[in-house]
PDB file of all heavy atoms in Angstrom:
ATOM      1  N   VAL A   1      14.886   0.645 -18.765  1.00  0.00           N
ATOM      2  CA  VAL A   1      15.071  -0.591 -19.546  1.00  0.00           C
ATOM      3  C   VAL A   1      14.619  -0.372 -20.992  1.00  0.00           C
ATOM      4  O   VAL A   1      15.297  -0.782 -21.941  1.00  0.00           O
ATOM      5  CB  VAL A   1      14.311  -1.761 -18.893  1.00  0.00           C
ATOM      6  CG1 VAL A   1      14.227  -2.964 -19.823  1.00  0.00           C
ATOM      7  CG2 VAL A   1      14.980  -2.157 -17.573  1.00  0.00           C
ATOM      8  N   ALA A   2      13.491   0.308 -21.154  1.00  0.00           N
ATOM      9  CA  ALA A   2      12.987   0.594 -22.515  1.00  0.00           C
ATOM     10  C   ALA A   2      13.901   1.583 -23.241  1.00  0.00           C
ATOM     11  O   ALA A   2      14.199   1.407 -24.431  1.00  0.00           O
ATOM     12  CB  ALA A   2      11.563   1.141 -22.427  1.00  0.00           C
ATOM     13  N   HIS A   3      14.361   2.600 -22.519  1.00  0.00           N
ATOM     14  CA  HIS A   3      15.246   3.615 -23.118  1.00  0.00           C
ATOM     15  C   HIS A   3      16.538   2.982 -23.637  1.00  0.00           C
ATOM     16  O   HIS A   3      17.040   3.342 -24.704  1.00  0.00           O
ATOM     17  CB  HIS A   3      15.556   4.681 -22.072  1.00  0.00           C
ATOM     18  CG  HIS A   3      16.583   5.687 -22.493  1.00  0.00           C
ATOM     19  ND1 HIS A   3      16.321   6.676 -23.416  1.00  0.00           N
ATOM     20  CD2 HIS A   3      17.889   5.849 -22.126  1.00  0.00           C
ATOM     21  CE1 HIS A   3      17.411   7.407 -23.602  1.00  0.00           C
ATOM     22  NE2 HIS A   3      18.383   6.926 -22.840  1.00  0.00           N
ATOM     23  N   LEU A   4      17.057   2.013 -22.885  1.00  0.00           N
ATOM     24  CA  LEU A   4      18.309   1.355 -23.270  1.00  0.00           C
ATOM     25  C   LEU A   4      18.075   0.128 -24.146  1.00  0.00           C
ATOM     26  O   LEU A   4      19.038  -0.524 -24.558  1.00  0.00           O
ATOM     27  CB  LEU A   4      19.090   0.962 -22.006  1.00  0.00           C
ATOM     28  CG  LEU A   4      19.530   2.125 -21.117  1.00  0.00           C
ATOM     29  CD1 LEU A   4      20.169   1.602 -19.835  1.00  0.00           C
ATOM     30  CD2 LEU A   4      20.485   3.039 -21.858  1.00  0.00           C
ATOM     31  N   ASP A   5      16.791  -0.194 -24.380  1.00  0.00           N
ATOM     32  CA  ASP A   5      16.415  -1.327 -25.236  1.00  0.00           C
ATOM     33  C   ASP A   5      17.042  -2.630 -24.734  1.00  0.00           C
ATOM     34  O   ASP A   5      17.622  -3.406 -25.495  1.00  0.00           O
ATOM     35  CB  ASP A   5      16.817  -1.057 -26.691  1.00  0.00           C
ATOM     36  CG  ASP A   5      16.104  -1.978 -27.675  1.00  0.00           C
ATOM     37  OD1 ASP A   5      15.020  -2.494 -27.324  1.00  0.00           O
ATOM     38  OD2 ASP A   5      16.638  -2.216 -28.778  1.00  0.00           O
ATOM     39  N   LEU A   6      16.915  -2.876 -23.436  1.00  0.00           N
ATOM     40  CA  LEU A   6      17.489  -4.074 -22.824  1.00  0.00           C
ATOM     41  C   LEU A   6      16.477  -5.219 -22.875  1.00  0.00           C
ATOM     42  O   LEU A   6      15.307  -5.035 -22.541  1.00  0.00           O
ATOM     43  CB  LEU A   6      17.864  -3.810 -21.364  1.00  0.00           C
ATOM     44  CG  LEU A   6      18.906  -2.717 -21.112  1.00  0.00           C
ATOM     45  CD1 LEU A   6      19.125  -2.550 -19.603  1.00  0.00           C
ATOM     46  CD2 LEU A   6      20.220  -3.025 -21.804  1.00  0.00           C
ATOM     47  N   ALA A   7      16.937  -6.380 -23.275  1.00  0.00           N
ATOM     48  CA  ALA A   7      16.079  -7.569 -23.305  1.00  0.00           C
ATOM     49  C   ALA A   7      16.573  -8.618 -22.313  1.00  0.00           C
ATOM     50  O   ALA A   7      15.798  -9.183 -21.543  1.00  0.00           O
ATOM     51  CB  ALA A   7      16.025  -8.144 -24.709  1.00  0.00           C
ATOM     52  N   ASP A   8      17.868  -8.887 -22.318  1.00  0.00           N
ATOM     53  CA  ASP A   8      18.461  -9.907 -21.456  1.00  0.00           C
ATOM     54  C   ASP A   8      19.444  -9.214 -20.527  1.00  0.00           C
ATOM     55  O   ASP A   8      20.474  -8.703 -20.964  1.00  0.00           O
ATOM     56  CB  ASP A   8      19.163 -10.965 -22.312  1.00  0.00           C
ATOM     57  CG  ASP A   8      19.770 -12.083 -21.474  1.00  0.00           C
ATOM     58  OD1 ASP A   8      19.349 -12.246 -20.309  1.00  0.00           O
ATOM     59  OD2 ASP A   8      20.673 -12.773 -21.977  1.00  0.00           O
ATOM     60  N   PHE A   9      19.124  -9.180 -19.243  1.00  0.00           N
ATOM     61  CA  PHE A   9      19.954  -8.434 -18.288  1.00  0.00           C
ATOM     62  C   PHE A   9      19.784  -9.024 -16.887  1.00  0.00           C
ATOM     63  O   PHE A   9      18.852  -9.790 -16.624  1.00  0.00           O
ATOM     64  CB  PHE A   9      19.580  -6.945 -18.286  1.00  0.00           C
ATOM     65  CG  PHE A   9      18.130  -6.685 -17.920  1.00  0.00           C
ATOM     66  CD1 PHE A   9      17.752  -6.431 -16.606  1.00  0.00           C
ATOM     67  CD2 PHE A   9      17.140  -6.689 -18.901  1.00  0.00           C
ATOM     68  CE1 PHE A   9      16.422  -6.207 -16.269  1.00  0.00           C
ATOM     69  CE2 PHE A   9      15.805  -6.459 -18.586  1.00  0.00           C
ATOM     70  CZ  PHE A   9      15.450  -6.212 -17.264  1.00  0.00           C
ATOM     71  N   ASP A  10      20.689  -8.654 -15.994  1.00  0.00           N
ATOM     72  CA  ASP A  10      20.582  -8.982 -14.578  1.00  0.00           C
ATOM     73  C   ASP A  10      20.196  -7.712 -13.819  1.00  0.00           C
ATOM     74  O   ASP A  10      20.381  -6.596 -14.320  1.00  0.00           O
ATOM     75  CB  ASP A  10      21.902  -9.560 -14.058  1.00  0.00           C
ATOM     76  CG  ASP A  10      22.305 -10.836 -14.792  1.00  0.00           C
ATOM     77  OD1 ASP A  10      21.425 -11.672 -15.052  1.00  0.00           O
ATOM     78  OD2 ASP A  10      23.498 -10.986 -15.125  1.00  0.00           O
ATOM     79  N   LEU A  11      19.666  -7.894 -12.606  1.00  0.00           N
ATOM     80  CA  LEU A  11      19.137  -6.767 -11.836  1.00  0.00           C
ATOM     81  C   LEU A  11      19.487  -6.936 -10.372  1.00  0.00           C
ATOM     82  O   LEU A  11      19.431  -8.049  -9.835  1.00  0.00           O
ATOM     83  CB  LEU A  11      17.608  -6.700 -12.006  1.00  0.00           C
ATOM     84  CG  LEU A  11      16.838  -5.707 -11.133  1.00  0.00           C
ATOM     85  CD1 LEU A  11      17.206  -4.267 -11.485  1.00  0.00           C
ATOM     86  CD2 LEU A  11      15.328  -5.929 -11.293  1.00  0.00           C
ATOM     87  N   GLY A  12      19.856  -5.840  -9.730  1.00  0.00           N
ATOM     88  CA  GLY A  12      20.120  -5.907  -8.307  1.00  0.00           C
ATOM     89  C   GLY A  12      19.945  -4.560  -7.645  1.00  0.00           C
ATOM     90  O   GLY A  12      19.816  -3.524  -8.307  1.00  0.00           O
ATOM     91  N   GLY A  13      19.950  -4.572  -6.326  1.00  0.00           N
ATOM     92  CA  GLY A  13      19.824  -3.315  -5.595  1.00  0.00           C
ATOM     93  C   GLY A  13      20.193  -3.495  -4.146  1.00  0.00           C
ATOM     94  O   GLY A  13      20.290  -4.618  -3.636  1.00  0.00           O
ATOM     95  N   PHE A  14      20.401  -2.365  -3.485  1.00  0.00           N
ATOM     96  CA  PHE A  14      20.691  -2.358  -2.060  1.00  0.00           C
ATOM     97  C   PHE A  14      19.582  -1.615  -1.334  1.00  0.00           C
ATOM     98  O   PHE A  14      19.230  -0.495  -1.713  1.00  0.00           O
ATOM     99  CB  PHE A  14      22.046  -1.698  -1.779  1.00  0.00           C
ATOM    100  CG  PHE A  14      22.444  -1.762  -0.330  1.00  0.00           C
ATOM    101  CD1 PHE A  14      23.090  -2.886   0.162  1.00  0.00           C
ATOM    102  CD2 PHE A  14      22.138  -0.732   0.543  1.00  0.00           C
ATOM    103  CE1 PHE A  14      23.420  -2.982   1.500  1.00  0.00           C
ATOM    104  CE2 PHE A  14      22.458  -0.816   1.884  1.00  0.00           C
ATOM    105  CZ  PHE A  14      23.110  -1.944   2.364  1.00  0.00           C
ATOM    106  N   SER A  15      19.023  -2.245  -0.302  1.00  0.00           N
ATOM    107  CA  SER A  15      18.004  -1.633   0.548  1.00  0.00           C
ATOM    108  C   SER A  15      16.810  -1.173  -0.291  1.00  0.00           C
ATOM    109  O   SER A  15      16.117  -2.007  -0.868  1.00  0.00           O
ATOM    110  CB  SER A  15      18.635  -0.494   1.360  1.00  0.00           C
ATOM    111  OG  SER A  15      17.828  -0.134   2.451  1.00  0.00           O
ATOM    112  N   LEU A  16      16.557   0.140  -0.426  1.00  0.00           N
ATOM    113  CA  LEU A  16      15.459   0.590  -1.288  1.00  0.00           C
ATOM    114  C   LEU A  16      15.629   0.045  -2.699  1.00  0.00           C
ATOM    115  O   LEU A  16      14.648  -0.311  -3.360  1.00  0.00           O
ATOM    116  CB  LEU A  16      15.404   2.123  -1.317  1.00  0.00           C
ATOM    117  CG  LEU A  16      14.435   2.729  -2.337  1.00  0.00           C
ATOM    118  CD1 LEU A  16      13.008   2.262  -2.089  1.00  0.00           C
ATOM    119  CD2 LEU A  16      14.534   4.252  -2.325  1.00  0.00           C
ATOM    120  N   GLY A  17      16.872  -0.046  -3.175  1.00  0.00           N
ATOM    121  CA  GLY A  17      17.114  -0.617  -4.500  1.00  0.00           C
ATOM    122  C   GLY A  17      16.701  -2.070  -4.593  1.00  0.00           C
ATOM    123  O   GLY A  17      16.193  -2.530  -5.623  1.00  0.00           O
ATOM    124  N   ALA A  18      16.902  -2.820  -3.497  1.00  0.00           N
ATOM    125  CA  ALA A  18      16.467  -4.219  -3.456  1.00  0.00           C
ATOM    126  C   ALA A  18      14.936  -4.297  -3.430  1.00  0.00           C
ATOM    127  O   ALA A  18      14.338  -5.119  -4.134  1.00  0.00           O
ATOM    128  CB  ALA A  18      17.054  -4.920  -2.235  1.00  0.00           C
ATOM    129  N   ARG A  19      14.314  -3.448  -2.632  1.00  0.00           N
ATOM    130  CA  ARG A  19      12.845  -3.416  -2.580  1.00  0.00           C
ATOM    131  C   ARG A  19      12.273  -3.103  -3.966  1.00  0.00           C
ATOM    132  O   ARG A  19      11.316  -3.729  -4.412  1.00  0.00           O
ATOM    133  CB  ARG A  19      12.345  -2.347  -1.611  1.00  0.00           C
ATOM    134  CG  ARG A  19      12.576  -2.626  -0.145  1.00  0.00           C
ATOM    135  CD  ARG A  19      11.831  -1.643   0.745  1.00  0.00           C
ATOM    136  NE  ARG A  19      10.399  -1.861   0.624  1.00  0.00           N
ATOM    137  CZ  ARG A  19       9.582  -1.144  -0.137  1.00  0.00           C
ATOM    138  NH1 ARG A  19      10.035  -0.148  -0.859  1.00  0.00           N
ATOM    139  NH2 ARG A  19       8.295  -1.423  -0.188  1.00  0.00           N
ATOM    140  N   THR A  20      12.871  -2.115  -4.633  1.00  0.00           N
ATOM    141  CA  THR A  20      12.392  -1.717  -5.951  1.00  0.00           C
ATOM    142  C   THR A  20      12.584  -2.839  -6.965  1.00  0.00           C
ATOM    143  O   THR A  20      11.714  -3.082  -7.817  1.00  0.00           O
ATOM    144  CB  THR A  20      13.117  -0.443  -6.411  1.00  0.00           C
ATOM    145  OG1 THR A  20      12.936   0.589  -5.417  1.00  0.00           O
ATOM    146  CG2 THR A  20      12.596   0.044  -7.746  1.00  0.00           C
ATOM    147  N   SER A  21      13.704  -3.547  -6.854  1.00  0.00           N
ATOM    148  CA  SER A  21      13.951  -4.683  -7.756  1.00  0.00           C
ATOM    149  C   SER A  21      12.893  -5.762  -7.564  1.00  0.00           C
ATOM    150  O   SER A  21      12.378  -6.322  -8.542  1.00  0.00           O
ATOM    151  CB  SER A  21      15.345  -5.259  -7.498  1.00  0.00           C
ATOM    152  OG  SER A  21      16.350  -4.310  -7.776  1.00  0.00           O
ATOM    153  N   VAL A  22      12.548  -6.050  -6.314  1.00  0.00           N
ATOM    154  CA  VAL A  22      11.508  -7.049  -6.023  1.00  0.00           C
ATOM    155  C   VAL A  22      10.164  -6.590  -6.575  1.00  0.00           C
ATOM    156  O   VAL A  22       9.437  -7.360  -7.217  1.00  0.00           O
ATOM    157  CB  VAL A  22      11.412  -7.310  -4.508  1.00  0.00           C
ATOM    158  CG1 VAL A  22      10.131  -8.080  -4.161  1.00  0.00           C
ATOM    159  CG2 VAL A  22      12.634  -8.081  -4.029  1.00  0.00           C
ATOM    160  N   ARG A  23       9.827  -5.318  -6.345  1.00  0.00           N
ATOM    161  CA  ARG A  23       8.557  -4.799  -6.850  1.00  0.00           C
ATOM    162  C   ARG A  23       8.500  -4.900  -8.373  1.00  0.00           C
ATOM    163  O   ARG A  23       7.450  -5.191  -8.953  1.00  0.00           O
ATOM    164  CB  ARG A  23       8.371  -3.334  -6.424  1.00  0.00           C
ATOM    165  CG  ARG A  23       8.282  -3.092  -4.929  1.00  0.00           C
ATOM    166  CD  ARG A  23       7.091  -3.750  -4.287  1.00  0.00           C
ATOM    167  NE  ARG A  23       5.833  -3.301  -4.841  1.00  0.00           N
ATOM    168  CZ  ARG A  23       4.672  -3.935  -4.658  1.00  0.00           C
ATOM    169  NH1 ARG A  23       4.634  -5.052  -3.941  1.00  0.00           N
ATOM    170  NH2 ARG A  23       3.559  -3.468  -5.189  1.00  0.00           N
ATOM    171  N   ALA A  24       9.639  -4.660  -9.044  1.00  0.00           N
ATOM    172  CA  ALA A  24       9.682  -4.735 -10.508  1.00  0.00           C
ATOM    173  C   ALA A  24       9.433  -6.162 -10.989  1.00  0.00           C
ATOM    174  O   ALA A  24       8.708  -6.383 -11.973  1.00  0.00           O
ATOM    175  CB  ALA A  24      11.021  -4.226 -11.021  1.00  0.00           C
ATOM    176  N   VAL A  25      10.035  -7.146 -10.305  1.00  0.00           N
ATOM    177  CA  VAL A  25       9.825  -8.546 -10.690  1.00  0.00           C
ATOM    178  C   VAL A  25       8.374  -8.955 -10.433  1.00  0.00           C
ATOM    179  O   VAL A  25       7.747  -9.620 -11.271  1.00  0.00           O
ATOM    180  CB  VAL A  25      10.814  -9.466  -9.941  1.00  0.00           C
ATOM    181  CG1 VAL A  25      10.474 -10.935 -10.178  1.00  0.00           C
ATOM    182  CG2 VAL A  25      12.249  -9.173 -10.376  1.00  0.00           C
ATOM    183  N   VAL A  26       7.814  -8.533  -9.305  1.00  0.00           N
ATOM    184  CA  VAL A  26       6.413  -8.826  -9.006  1.00  0.00           C
ATOM    185  C   VAL A  26       5.502  -8.218 -10.080  1.00  0.00           C
ATOM    186  O   VAL A  26       4.475  -8.790 -10.455  1.00  0.00           O
ATOM    187  CB  VAL A  26       6.041  -8.304  -7.600  1.00  0.00           C
ATOM    188  CG1 VAL A  26       4.540  -8.342  -7.363  1.00  0.00           C
ATOM    189  CG2 VAL A  26       6.757  -9.131  -6.525  1.00  0.00           C
ATOM    190  N   ALA A  27       5.925  -7.063 -10.629  1.00  0.00           N
ATOM    191  CA  ALA A  27       5.135  -6.388 -11.678  1.00  0.00           C
ATOM    192  C   ALA A  27       5.366  -6.969 -13.069  1.00  0.00           C
ATOM    193  O   ALA A  27       4.724  -6.543 -14.029  1.00  0.00           O
ATOM    194  CB  ALA A  27       5.467  -4.899 -11.692  1.00  0.00           C
ATOM    195  N   GLY A  28       6.297  -7.942 -13.183  1.00  0.00           N
ATOM    196  CA  GLY A  28       6.466  -8.616 -14.468  1.00  0.00           C
ATOM    197  C   GLY A  28       7.836  -8.535 -15.109  1.00  0.00           C
ATOM    198  O   GLY A  28       8.075  -9.167 -16.134  1.00  0.00           O
ATOM    199  N   MET A  29       8.761  -7.744 -14.519  1.00  0.00           N
ATOM    200  CA  MET A  29      10.106  -7.679 -15.097  1.00  0.00           C
ATOM    201  C   MET A  29      10.788  -9.027 -14.907  1.00  0.00           C
ATOM    202  O   MET A  29      10.617  -9.684 -13.882  1.00  0.00           O
ATOM    203  CB  MET A  29      10.911  -6.552 -14.433  1.00  0.00           C
ATOM    204  CG  MET A  29      12.235  -6.261 -15.104  1.00  0.00           C
ATOM    205  SD  MET A  29      13.038  -4.743 -14.444  1.00  0.00           S
ATOM    206  CE  MET A  29      12.029  -3.471 -15.234  1.00  0.00           C
ATOM    207  N   ARG A  30      11.594  -9.430 -15.902  1.00  0.00           N
ATOM    208  CA  ARG A  30      12.198 -10.758 -15.851  1.00  0.00           C
ATOM    209  C   ARG A  30      13.713 -10.710 -16.068  1.00  0.00           C
ATOM    210  O   ARG A  30      14.218 -11.135 -17.101  1.00  0.00           O
ATOM    211  CB  ARG A  30      11.541 -11.675 -16.903  1.00  0.00           C
ATOM    212  CG  ARG A  30      10.195 -12.238 -16.450  1.00  0.00           C
ATOM    213  CD  ARG A  30      10.392 -13.277 -15.348  1.00  0.00           C
ATOM    214  NE  ARG A  30       9.167 -13.654 -14.662  1.00  0.00           N
ATOM    215  CZ  ARG A  30       8.731 -13.095 -13.545  1.00  0.00           C
ATOM    216  NH1 ARG A  30       9.396 -12.112 -12.986  1.00  0.00           N
ATOM    217  NH2 ARG A  30       7.642 -13.531 -12.966  1.00  0.00           N
TER     218      ARG A  30
END
């Protein structure tokens, strides 16, 4: 996200990707 300089974006994942997406939101990603 920092490398691509993203500020406003959507996020998704499948299985491990979904788990990782949840962990990222819990860690503060919005």
